[in-house]
Amino acid sequence: MKLNQKNLCEYICFAILVIITLASHFWRYTFEGTGYLAHFDDDFFYYLKIAENISIHNISSFNTLYLTNGYHPLWMFVLVGILKITRTTGIHFFLVFSTILSILNISVYFLTRRLSLRFFETSVIPVFIAIIATLFSTQLMRSGMEIALTIVMTLIVMDYAIRNRNHLSEKGTIIIFGFLSSILVLSRLDSAVFVLIFLISPAFFDYTSLKISAKKLFFFGLGGLLVPLYMLSNLIFFDTLMPVSGQVKHLKDTLIPNINVYKSLILFRPSRFFIIPTLIGMAISLLVFFLGPYRKDKRYIPLIIPIAFCIVYYNMLAVSSDWHLWQWYAYPFVPCLVSTAIIIFSHIPGKLPIKQSLISTGFAMLSTFFLLYGIVSTHRFITKITPDNNGIYIAAKKIALFAQQYPGIYAMGDRAGMPGYLMDSPLIQLEGLVMDTAFSKNIAESRDLNEVLEEYDVNYYVSSSFETGEDGYLFVEPAQAKHSKFTMKGSLNQKPILEFTSPPGIRTAIFKIKEPEKI
């Protein structure tokens, strides 16, 4: 009878979790017209516009003028696949896309629960860990970015490594592990740091025999051939091994850490509700692991990898990039949260003079609390962010309407994703994120912005990050790295032909650079 009650409680918790997840991904479709676009991040539309051009024009380009590889390949493959099926970027595409996001989101629950059950005798604590991991993932995945797939693949790789911890010296197991790791890397390329940490850890590398380790690395590489093949295709088609977006973001001439990276970890909303406890949990779990007798247990060694990944990843970003971070950059914290929770809850509660039944009741109450938080947080998200108060959506609609009336070649830096998607006119992305290697050199050489606009035959320049001074309107591109040495600066001593303000007080201006050529 008790078992049935526990199962019933778990089913109820899961049902509530599914409702929260579906509301997060599908409530947007209750808005009129294209209002559902307001619930996706601006950077998602870089993906979608390129996917549209690949699907329709067979060209990997944001504007059909310049080839680009400024995206993570596996997510682009998913989007192009959906477009091939739906044959539209309208509502049918988005409904299928949101269904896939929901499936990925809910799969976090099952993967986390299965992974956690390897360390606990009952399902109470694994269910709790699965609930918080899924709620955290929901906040990150609903933006439409590639990290939805990355989070799932990270958990799959972790579970495979722990499940096969005694077989990671066998050829077949290593090849499969290499293949899964390559899928993870292709879902988001900076997850290669996670894989590299795994390869040099005692969970994989045999420090007693370099010969055995070399053999394991060979078979791992055999399974992970997709990554070098991807890099080779980049070299052939785009004249670069890695995406231009990553190259632009990592233009930095000093090793002094970018303090904005660390600020972002605390300021991410609403994810800081999960990030801050995870940061505290990281410190506790490392103490528990290294000071206790558990560091020799092969099950726990892979759990340290996500924690090490978080530490290395964000410090690498701070040293190598002057850019701000956006919420999807918090994706390493999901597997890190799972790891820290397993390490702490599998060791500390058992040391306390408390009955097991009380511990189970406590975690059941915690699960209830987090589900209530999930309901409140989701309600706030779906009611607070609407087409009427989303500044990027409002601005994008106005820019697209203007471009419809005044066709030509447009240029825009920050917030150019949704406008570029909605516009029929080509748009030069001045941050270089979805341009080519030649354009990234303009930024690396800190060229004059006015010269670049002229060189690229720009008719209209759109800016939402400008200042006014004695020389008129002053611009820095990329605006997100305006304090960096590697930027293009320019000015225009003329009034914009259109200027407007959108929430939360963002000024956007459109300047005519030169008359479009008449056809």
Protein backbone atom coordinates (compact mmCIF):
# COMPACT_ATOMS: atom_id res chain seq x y z
CA MET A 1 0.00 0.00 0.00
CA LYS A 2 2.82 2.39 0.87
CA LEU A 3 4.52 1.66 -2.43
CA ASN A 4 1.34 2.51 -4.32
CA GLN A 5 1.00 5.77 -2.39
CA LYS A 6 4.57 6.71 -3.26
CA ASN A 7 3.96 5.88 -6.91
CA LEU A 8 0.75 7.92 -6.89
CA CYS A 9 2.57 10.93 -5.40
CA GLU A 10 5.31 10.59 -7.99
CA TYR A 11 2.78 10.40 -10.83
CA ILE A 12 0.99 13.49 -9.52
CA CYS A 13 4.28 15.40 -9.28
CA PHE A 14 5.19 14.34 -12.81
CA ALA A 15 1.76 15.36 -14.14
CA ILE A 16 2.12 18.83 -12.58
CA LEU A 17 5.62 19.08 -14.03
CA VAL A 18 4.33 18.21 -17.51
CA ILE A 19 1.61 20.88 -17.23
CA ILE A 20 4.22 23.48 -16.22
CA THR A 21 6.45 22.45 -19.11
CA LEU A 22 3.67 22.50 -21.71
CA ALA A 23 2.42 25.87 -20.45
CA SER A 24 5.94 27.31 -20.79
CA HIS A 25 6.26 26.12 -24.37
CA PHE A 26 2.71 26.44 -25.72
CA TRP A 27 1.04 29.35 -23.89
CA ARG A 28 2.70 31.72 -26.39
CA TYR A 29 0.31 30.46 -29.08
CA THR A 30 -2.64 32.06 -27.32
CA PHE A 31 -1.34 35.46 -28.46
CA GLU A 32 -2.87 36.97 -31.59
CA GLY A 33 -1.10 36.88 -34.93
CA THR A 34 2.66 36.40 -34.69
CA GLY A 35 2.68 37.36 -31.02
CA TYR A 36 4.13 33.95 -30.13
CA LEU A 37 7.48 35.17 -31.49
CA ALA A 38 7.82 37.39 -28.40
CA HIS A 39 8.56 34.32 -26.23
CA PHE A 40 11.66 33.32 -28.21
CA ASP A 41 15.09 34.88 -27.74
CA ASP A 42 16.35 37.18 -30.47
CA ASP A 43 19.35 34.93 -31.19
CA PHE A 44 17.03 32.04 -32.04
CA PHE A 45 15.96 33.92 -35.15
CA TYR A 46 19.52 33.92 -36.48
CA TYR A 47 19.16 30.15 -36.54
CA LEU A 48 15.71 30.25 -38.08
CA LYS A 49 16.56 32.69 -40.88
CA ILE A 50 19.62 30.66 -41.86
CA ALA A 51 17.60 27.42 -41.67
CA GLU A 52 14.98 29.01 -43.92
CA ASN A 53 17.64 29.99 -46.47
CA ILE A 54 19.19 26.51 -46.36
CA SER A 55 15.78 24.89 -46.82
CA ILE A 56 14.52 27.20 -49.57
CA HIS A 57 17.64 28.53 -51.32
CA ASN A 58 20.15 25.77 -50.45
CA ILE A 59 22.53 28.39 -49.08
CA SER A 60 23.90 28.68 -45.54
CA SER A 61 23.39 32.41 -45.15
CA PHE A 62 21.57 34.87 -42.93
CA ASN A 63 21.01 37.37 -45.73
CA THR A 64 21.58 35.31 -48.95
CA LEU A 65 24.53 37.61 -49.71
CA TYR A 66 27.30 36.07 -47.60
CA LEU A 67 27.89 32.47 -46.54
CA THR A 68 28.04 31.83 -42.81
CA ASN A 69 28.70 28.99 -40.38
CA GLY A 70 27.79 31.10 -37.34
CA TYR A 71 25.73 28.45 -35.58
CA HIS A 72 25.96 25.15 -33.74
CA PRO A 73 25.48 22.48 -36.42
CA LEU A 74 23.21 19.90 -34.81
CA TRP A 75 20.55 22.43 -33.80
CA MET A 76 20.60 23.84 -37.33
CA PHE A 77 20.14 20.28 -38.62
CA VAL A 78 17.05 19.93 -36.41
CA LEU A 79 15.53 23.22 -37.60
CA VAL A 80 16.17 22.48 -41.27
CA GLY A 81 14.61 19.05 -40.77
CA ILE A 82 11.44 20.59 -39.31
CA LEU A 83 11.28 23.09 -42.18
CA LYS A 84 11.59 20.29 -44.72
CA ILE A 85 8.60 18.59 -43.06
CA THR A 86 6.37 21.64 -42.46
CA ARG A 87 7.54 23.57 -45.57
CA THR A 88 6.89 26.83 -43.73
CA THR A 89 8.30 29.06 -40.99
CA GLY A 90 4.77 29.95 -39.94
CA ILE A 91 2.65 28.65 -37.08
CA HIS A 92 2.92 24.99 -38.16
CA PHE A 93 6.71 25.10 -37.91
CA PHE A 94 6.57 26.65 -34.46
CA LEU A 95 4.03 24.13 -33.16
CA VAL A 96 6.25 21.23 -34.24
CA PHE A 97 9.29 23.02 -32.85
CA SER A 98 7.64 23.62 -29.48
CA THR A 99 6.62 19.96 -29.37
CA ILE A 100 10.27 18.96 -29.81
CA LEU A 101 11.33 21.45 -27.13
CA SER A 102 8.73 19.96 -24.77
CA ILE A 103 9.94 16.41 -25.43
CA LEU A 104 13.55 17.43 -24.77
CA ASN A 105 12.43 19.30 -21.66
CA ILE A 106 10.46 16.39 -20.21
CA SER A 107 13.24 13.93 -21.08
CA VAL A 108 15.40 15.79 -18.55
CA TYR A 109 13.11 14.41 -15.86
CA PHE A 110 13.51 10.79 -16.95
CA LEU A 111 17.26 11.07 -17.56
CA THR A 112 17.90 12.76 -14.21
CA ARG A 113 15.68 10.31 -12.34
CA ARG A 114 17.41 7.32 -13.93
CA LEU A 115 20.85 8.76 -13.28
CA SER A 116 20.02 9.59 -9.65
CA LEU A 117 18.53 6.16 -8.95
CA ARG A 118 22.00 4.68 -9.40
CA PHE A 119 22.92 6.32 -6.08
CA PHE A 120 19.74 5.90 -4.00
CA GLU A 121 17.71 2.91 -2.83
CA THR A 122 14.34 4.68 -3.04
CA SER A 123 12.94 7.11 -5.61
CA VAL A 124 12.02 10.00 -3.27
CA ILE A 125 15.30 11.91 -3.59
CA PRO A 126 15.83 11.06 -7.30
CA VAL A 127 12.35 12.40 -8.05
CA PHE A 128 13.14 15.62 -6.17
CA ILE A 129 16.42 16.07 -8.09
CA ALA A 130 14.61 15.33 -11.37
CA ILE A 131 11.94 17.94 -10.58
CA ILE A 132 14.39 20.78 -9.89
CA ALA A 133 16.54 19.85 -12.92
CA THR A 134 13.47 19.87 -15.17
CA LEU A 135 12.16 23.19 -13.82
CA PHE A 136 15.59 24.75 -14.30
CA SER A 137 15.78 23.35 -17.83
CA THR A 138 12.33 24.74 -18.63
CA GLN A 139 13.53 28.28 -17.91
CA LEU A 140 16.46 27.79 -20.28
CA MET A 141 14.84 25.74 -23.05
CA ARG A 142 11.79 27.89 -23.74
CA SER A 143 14.01 30.46 -25.47
CA GLY A 144 14.44 28.14 -28.47
CA MET A 145 18.22 27.98 -28.29
CA GLU A 146 20.45 24.95 -28.94
CA ILE A 147 21.13 24.31 -25.26
CA ALA A 148 17.86 22.31 -25.11
CA LEU A 149 19.67 19.53 -26.96
CA THR A 150 22.97 20.13 -25.16
CA ILE A 151 21.46 19.66 -21.69
CA VAL A 152 19.84 16.38 -22.72
CA MET A 153 23.02 15.08 -24.39
CA THR A 154 25.15 16.00 -21.35
CA LEU A 155 22.88 13.94 -19.10
CA ILE A 156 22.97 11.05 -21.59
CA VAL A 157 26.79 11.10 -21.69
CA MET A 158 26.96 11.24 -17.88
CA ASP A 159 24.53 8.36 -17.47
CA TYR A 160 26.33 6.24 -20.07
CA ALA A 161 29.70 6.80 -18.40
CA ILE A 162 28.38 5.91 -14.93
CA ARG A 163 26.42 2.90 -16.18
CA ASN A 164 29.46 1.57 -18.07
CA ARG A 165 32.11 2.69 -15.59
CA ASN A 166 33.55 -0.84 -15.42
CA HIS A 167 33.53 -1.27 -19.21
CA LEU A 168 35.20 1.96 -20.40
CA SER A 169 38.22 -0.07 -21.42
CA GLU A 170 36.25 -2.15 -23.92
CA LYS A 171 36.44 -1.17 -27.58
CA GLY A 172 32.71 -1.17 -28.33
CA THR A 173 31.80 0.79 -25.21
CA ILE A 174 34.45 3.43 -25.91
CA ILE A 175 33.34 3.85 -29.54
CA ILE A 176 29.74 4.42 -28.44
CA PHE A 177 30.96 6.83 -25.76
CA GLY A 178 32.93 8.71 -28.42
CA PHE A 179 29.88 8.88 -30.67
CA LEU A 180 27.62 10.19 -27.89
CA SER A 181 30.28 12.75 -26.96
CA SER A 182 30.50 13.92 -30.58
CA ILE A 183 26.72 14.45 -30.67
CA LEU A 184 27.06 16.48 -27.48
CA VAL A 185 29.84 18.62 -28.97
CA LEU A 186 27.95 19.21 -32.22
CA SER A 187 24.88 20.32 -30.25
CA ARG A 188 26.97 23.11 -28.73
CA LEU A 189 30.64 23.35 -29.58
CA ASP A 190 31.89 24.76 -26.27
CA SER A 191 30.69 21.56 -24.59
CA ALA A 192 33.94 20.14 -25.97
CA VAL A 193 35.45 21.49 -22.74
CA PHE A 194 33.20 19.08 -20.81
CA VAL A 195 34.35 16.18 -22.99
CA LEU A 196 38.04 17.10 -22.70
CA ILE A 197 37.79 17.26 -18.90
CA PHE A 198 36.16 13.84 -18.97
CA LEU A 199 38.92 12.39 -21.14
CA ILE A 200 41.72 13.51 -18.81
CA SER A 201 39.86 12.47 -15.65
CA PRO A 202 40.40 9.13 -13.87
CA ALA A 203 36.92 8.19 -15.08
CA PHE A 204 38.45 7.58 -18.52
CA PHE A 205 42.21 8.12 -18.62
CA ASP A 206 44.37 5.31 -17.22
CA TYR A 207 47.30 7.05 -15.53
CA THR A 208 48.98 3.70 -14.78
CA SER A 209 49.43 2.86 -18.46
CA LEU A 210 49.88 5.39 -21.26
CA LYS A 211 49.59 2.55 -23.78
CA ILE A 212 46.11 1.64 -22.56
CA SER A 213 45.10 5.32 -22.47
CA ALA A 214 46.35 5.88 -26.03
CA LYS A 215 44.33 2.87 -27.19
CA LYS A 216 41.22 4.19 -25.45
CA LEU A 217 41.68 7.63 -27.01
CA PHE A 218 42.04 6.03 -30.44
CA PHE A 219 38.72 4.20 -30.19
CA PHE A 220 37.10 7.27 -28.66
CA GLY A 221 38.27 9.29 -31.66
CA LEU A 222 36.93 6.60 -33.97
CA GLY A 223 33.50 6.96 -32.42
CA GLY A 224 33.73 10.75 -32.47
CA LEU A 225 34.66 11.16 -36.15
CA LEU A 226 31.68 13.46 -36.71
CA VAL A 227 33.52 16.35 -35.02
CA PRO A 228 36.64 16.34 -37.25
CA LEU A 229 34.38 15.81 -40.28
CA TYR A 230 32.39 18.89 -39.26
CA MET A 231 35.60 20.91 -38.91
CA LEU A 232 36.80 19.70 -42.31
CA SER A 233 33.51 20.75 -43.93
CA ASN A 234 33.91 24.18 -42.35
CA LEU A 235 37.36 24.48 -43.88
CA ILE A 236 36.10 23.45 -47.31
CA PHE A 237 32.94 25.58 -47.46
CA PHE A 238 33.68 28.50 -45.10
CA ASP A 239 37.49 28.75 -45.06
CA THR A 240 37.63 28.34 -41.27
CA LEU A 241 37.67 25.41 -38.85
CA MET A 242 35.22 26.86 -36.33
CA PRO A 243 32.12 29.12 -36.51
CA VAL A 244 32.73 32.82 -37.10
CA SER A 245 30.41 33.67 -34.20
CA GLY A 246 32.82 32.10 -31.73
CA GLN A 247 35.79 33.82 -33.34
CA VAL A 248 34.17 37.25 -33.04
CA LYS A 249 33.13 36.72 -29.41
CA HIS A 250 36.65 35.67 -28.43
CA LEU A 251 38.49 38.69 -29.81
CA LYS A 252 40.29 39.83 -26.66
CA ASP A 253 43.77 41.31 -26.22
CA THR A 254 44.17 40.86 -22.47
CA LEU A 255 43.95 38.00 -19.96
CA ILE A 256 42.26 40.23 -17.39
CA PRO A 257 38.95 38.48 -16.60
CA ASN A 258 35.74 40.00 -17.87
CA ILE A 259 33.88 40.73 -14.63
CA ASN A 260 30.53 40.71 -16.48
CA VAL A 261 30.78 36.93 -16.80
CA TYR A 262 30.71 36.50 -13.03
CA LYS A 263 28.00 39.14 -12.61
CA SER A 264 25.82 37.31 -15.11
CA LEU A 265 25.82 34.15 -13.01
CA ILE A 266 24.17 36.05 -10.18
CA LEU A 267 21.96 38.34 -12.27
CA PHE A 268 20.41 35.78 -14.64
CA ARG A 269 16.65 35.98 -14.12
CA PRO A 270 14.86 33.81 -13.15
CA SER A 271 17.59 31.14 -13.33
CA ARG A 272 19.52 32.58 -10.40
CA PHE A 273 16.92 30.85 -8.19
CA PHE A 274 18.72 27.63 -9.19
CA ILE A 275 22.21 28.96 -9.97
CA ILE A 276 23.01 30.48 -6.57
CA PRO A 277 22.13 27.32 -4.58
CA THR A 278 24.11 25.29 -7.14
CA LEU A 279 27.18 27.49 -6.61
CA ILE A 280 26.93 26.86 -2.87
CA GLY A 281 26.31 23.17 -3.52
CA MET A 282 29.42 22.96 -5.69
CA ALA A 283 31.62 23.99 -2.77
CA ILE A 284 29.89 21.57 -0.37
CA SER A 285 29.99 18.64 -2.80
CA LEU A 286 33.70 19.12 -3.53
CA LEU A 287 34.42 19.06 0.21
CA VAL A 288 32.25 15.97 0.67
CA PHE A 289 33.93 14.21 -2.24
CA PHE A 290 37.59 14.99 -1.57
CA LEU A 291 37.51 14.84 2.24
CA GLY A 292 35.36 11.71 2.44
CA PRO A 293 35.97 8.11 1.40
CA TYR A 294 33.95 8.50 -1.81
CA ARG A 295 36.66 9.71 -4.20
CA LYS A 296 37.67 6.07 -4.80
CA ASP A 297 34.13 5.07 -5.77
CA LYS A 298 34.04 4.93 -9.59
CA ARG A 299 30.37 5.90 -9.62
CA TYR A 300 31.10 9.34 -8.19
CA ILE A 301 34.09 10.34 -10.32
CA PRO A 302 31.94 11.24 -13.39
CA LEU A 303 29.80 13.44 -11.12
CA ILE A 304 32.78 15.71 -10.51
CA ILE A 305 33.12 16.40 -14.26
CA PRO A 306 30.11 18.80 -14.53
CA ILE A 307 31.37 20.70 -11.47
CA ALA A 308 34.85 21.00 -12.97
CA PHE A 309 33.24 22.00 -16.28
CA CYS A 310 31.39 24.90 -14.63
CA ILE A 311 34.56 26.16 -12.96
CA VAL A 312 36.73 25.88 -16.09
CA TYR A 313 34.06 27.04 -18.56
CA TYR A 314 33.12 30.35 -16.95
CA ASN A 315 36.71 31.25 -16.14
CA MET A 316 37.65 30.52 -19.75
CA LEU A 317 34.86 32.81 -20.94
CA ALA A 318 35.95 35.55 -18.54
CA VAL A 319 39.53 35.40 -19.81
CA SER A 320 38.79 34.96 -23.52
CA SER A 321 35.75 37.16 -24.21
CA ASP A 322 34.63 40.75 -23.58
CA TRP A 323 31.01 39.96 -24.35
CA HIS A 324 28.11 39.81 -21.94
CA LEU A 325 26.45 36.46 -21.29
CA TRP A 326 22.83 35.60 -21.95
CA GLN A 327 20.64 33.21 -20.01
CA TRP A 328 21.27 30.18 -22.22
CA TYR A 329 24.94 30.34 -21.18
CA ALA A 330 23.76 28.95 -17.85
CA TYR A 331 23.27 25.49 -19.38
CA PRO A 332 26.34 23.93 -17.60
CA PHE A 333 24.57 24.51 -14.30
CA VAL A 334 21.87 21.93 -15.07
CA PRO A 335 24.17 18.86 -15.05
CA CYS A 336 26.15 20.57 -12.29
CA LEU A 337 22.99 20.88 -10.19
CA VAL A 338 22.27 17.19 -10.74
CA SER A 339 25.81 16.19 -9.73
CA THR A 340 25.97 18.36 -6.62
CA ALA A 341 22.52 17.21 -5.48
CA ILE A 342 23.45 13.53 -5.88
CA ILE A 343 26.78 13.91 -4.06
CA ILE A 344 25.33 15.90 -1.17
CA PHE A 345 22.05 14.03 -0.70
CA SER A 346 23.60 10.57 -1.03
CA HIS A 347 26.02 11.29 1.82
CA ILE A 348 24.88 13.98 4.24
CA PRO A 349 21.28 12.86 5.13
CA GLY A 350 22.56 9.41 6.11
CA LYS A 351 24.92 10.99 8.65
CA LEU A 352 22.11 12.85 10.42
CA PRO A 353 20.31 11.35 13.46
CA ILE A 354 16.97 11.44 11.65
CA LYS A 355 14.67 8.57 10.71
CA GLN A 356 14.56 7.64 7.03
CA SER A 357 10.80 8.22 6.97
CA LEU A 358 11.27 11.83 8.11
CA ILE A 359 13.96 12.38 5.47
CA SER A 360 11.60 11.05 2.79
CA THR A 361 8.82 13.32 4.06
CA GLY A 362 11.19 16.29 3.98
CA PHE A 363 12.14 15.69 0.35
CA ALA A 364 8.49 15.18 -0.58
CA MET A 365 7.74 18.60 0.94
CA LEU A 366 10.68 20.11 -0.95
CA SER A 367 9.34 18.65 -4.19
CA THR A 368 5.97 20.25 -3.46
CA PHE A 369 7.61 23.61 -2.75
CA PHE A 370 9.56 23.58 -6.03
CA LEU A 371 6.50 22.57 -8.01
CA LEU A 372 4.63 25.52 -6.49
CA TYR A 373 7.58 27.72 -7.44
CA GLY A 374 7.40 26.30 -10.96
CA ILE A 375 3.72 27.20 -11.22
CA VAL A 376 4.27 30.76 -9.95
CA SER A 377 7.39 31.29 -12.08
CA THR A 378 5.70 30.00 -15.23
CA HIS A 379 2.60 32.12 -14.62
CA ARG A 380 4.83 35.18 -14.21
CA PHE A 381 6.66 34.34 -17.46
CA ILE A 382 3.57 33.83 -19.60
CA THR A 383 1.81 36.93 -18.26
CA LYS A 384 4.76 39.31 -17.92
CA ILE A 385 6.31 38.75 -21.36
CA THR A 386 3.71 39.61 -24.00
CA PRO A 387 3.80 41.03 -27.53
CA ASP A 388 2.69 44.37 -26.07
CA ASN A 389 5.69 44.79 -23.75
CA ASN A 390 8.48 42.84 -25.49
CA GLY A 391 10.74 45.58 -26.82
CA ILE A 392 12.61 43.38 -29.29
CA TYR A 393 9.37 42.10 -30.83
CA ILE A 394 7.86 45.60 -31.06
CA ALA A 395 11.02 47.03 -32.62
CA ALA A 396 11.37 44.10 -35.04
CA LYS A 397 7.81 44.58 -36.31
CA LYS A 398 8.41 48.30 -36.90
CA ILE A 399 11.74 47.70 -38.63
CA ALA A 400 10.22 44.98 -40.84
CA LEU A 401 7.31 47.28 -41.78
CA PHE A 402 9.76 50.07 -42.63
CA ALA A 403 11.85 47.67 -44.74
CA GLN A 404 8.73 46.59 -46.60
CA GLN A 405 8.07 50.21 -47.55
CA TYR A 406 11.73 51.03 -48.23
CA PRO A 407 13.50 47.95 -49.62
CA GLY A 408 17.29 47.89 -49.81
CA ILE A 409 20.31 46.47 -48.02
CA TYR A 410 20.06 46.95 -44.25
CA ALA A 411 22.72 46.73 -41.54
CA MET A 412 22.17 46.18 -37.84
CA GLY A 413 24.19 44.92 -34.87
CA ASP A 414 22.57 44.02 -31.56
CA ARG A 415 18.94 42.74 -31.64
CA ALA A 416 19.11 41.94 -35.36
CA GLY A 417 17.81 38.36 -35.16
CA MET A 418 14.06 38.90 -35.21
CA PRO A 419 14.17 41.88 -37.61
CA GLY A 420 16.31 39.82 -40.00
CA TYR A 421 13.81 36.97 -39.80
CA LEU A 422 10.77 39.20 -40.42
CA MET A 423 12.35 41.29 -43.20
CA ASP A 424 12.47 40.40 -46.89
CA SER A 425 15.38 42.78 -47.48
CA PRO A 426 18.88 41.42 -46.77
CA LEU A 427 20.44 42.45 -43.45
CA ILE A 428 24.19 42.76 -42.77
CA GLN A 429 24.74 41.59 -39.18
CA LEU A 430 27.31 44.07 -37.85
CA GLU A 431 28.33 41.96 -34.86
CA GLY A 432 29.69 39.43 -37.34
CA LEU A 433 27.89 36.55 -35.61
CA VAL A 434 26.24 35.29 -38.79
CA MET A 435 28.55 36.77 -41.41
CA ASP A 436 31.76 35.32 -42.90
CA THR A 437 35.47 35.32 -42.03
CA ALA A 438 36.07 38.43 -44.15
CA PHE A 439 33.61 40.42 -42.04
CA SER A 440 35.09 39.17 -38.78
CA LYS A 441 38.41 40.64 -39.97
CA ASN A 442 36.74 44.06 -40.14
CA ILE A 443 36.04 43.78 -36.42
CA ALA A 444 39.46 42.30 -35.62
CA GLU A 445 41.12 45.21 -37.44
CA SER A 446 38.85 47.79 -35.71
CA ARG A 447 37.87 49.32 -39.02
CA ASP A 448 35.89 52.52 -39.37
CA LEU A 449 32.20 51.64 -39.28
CA ASN A 450 31.29 54.23 -41.92
CA GLU A 451 33.77 52.68 -44.35
CA VAL A 452 32.39 49.21 -43.70
CA LEU A 453 28.81 50.37 -44.32
CA GLU A 454 29.90 51.89 -47.61
CA GLU A 455 31.92 48.83 -48.62
CA TYR A 456 28.94 46.55 -48.05
CA ASP A 457 26.60 48.82 -50.07
CA VAL A 458 24.35 49.43 -47.07
CA ASN A 459 21.32 51.61 -47.76
CA TYR A 460 19.85 51.76 -44.26
CA TYR A 461 21.61 51.41 -40.92
CA VAL A 462 19.55 50.39 -37.87
CA SER A 463 20.91 50.92 -34.36
CA SER A 464 19.49 50.40 -30.89
CA SER A 465 22.80 51.22 -29.16
CA PHE A 466 23.92 54.74 -29.93
CA GLU A 467 24.97 57.94 -28.22
CA THR A 468 24.83 61.56 -29.29
CA GLY A 469 27.76 63.96 -29.27
CA GLU A 470 29.37 66.87 -31.12
CA ASP A 471 29.79 64.67 -34.19
CA GLY A 472 26.12 63.71 -34.21
CA TYR A 473 25.16 60.11 -33.58
CA LEU A 474 27.98 57.85 -32.34
CA PHE A 475 28.03 54.08 -32.87
CA VAL A 476 30.07 51.09 -31.72
CA GLU A 477 29.71 47.65 -33.27
CA PRO A 478 29.53 45.11 -31.72
CA ALA A 479 27.76 47.09 -29.01
CA GLN A 480 27.87 44.14 -26.60
CA ALA A 481 31.68 44.44 -26.57
CA LYS A 482 31.85 48.23 -26.75
CA HIS A 483 34.67 48.42 -24.18
CA SER A 484 36.81 46.02 -26.20
CA LYS A 485 39.65 47.09 -28.45
CA PHE A 486 38.11 45.04 -31.26
CA THR A 487 35.16 47.15 -32.35
CA MET A 488 34.13 49.26 -35.32
CA LYS A 489 33.34 52.87 -34.43
CA GLY A 490 31.53 55.39 -36.58
CA SER A 491 29.33 58.47 -36.55
CA LEU A 492 26.58 60.08 -38.59
CA ASN A 493 25.92 63.82 -38.56
CA GLN A 494 22.34 63.48 -39.72
CA LYS A 495 18.97 62.83 -38.20
CA PRO A 496 17.43 59.36 -38.49
CA ILE A 497 14.53 58.97 -40.87
CA LEU A 498 12.76 56.95 -38.19
CA GLU A 499 13.31 56.87 -34.45
CA PHE A 500 11.17 55.21 -31.80
CA THR A 501 11.34 53.87 -28.25
CA SER A 502 10.29 50.38 -27.20
CA PRO A 503 10.17 48.72 -23.75
CA PRO A 504 12.10 48.99 -21.51
CA GLY A 505 13.05 52.41 -22.91
CA ILE A 506 15.26 51.19 -25.77
CA ARG A 507 15.74 53.80 -28.50
CA THR A 508 15.99 52.51 -32.05
CA ALA A 509 16.92 54.67 -35.02
CA ILE A 510 17.06 54.02 -38.77
CA PHE A 511 19.48 56.09 -40.85
CA LYS A 512 19.63 56.36 -44.60
CA ILE A 513 23.22 55.78 -45.75
CA LYS A 514 22.60 55.99 -49.48
CA GLU A 515 19.78 55.63 -51.98
CA PRO A 516 18.99 52.06 -53.01
CA GLU A 517 19.76 51.20 -56.61
CA LYS A 518 16.66 51.30 -58.76
CA ILE A 519 15.92 48.13 -60.68
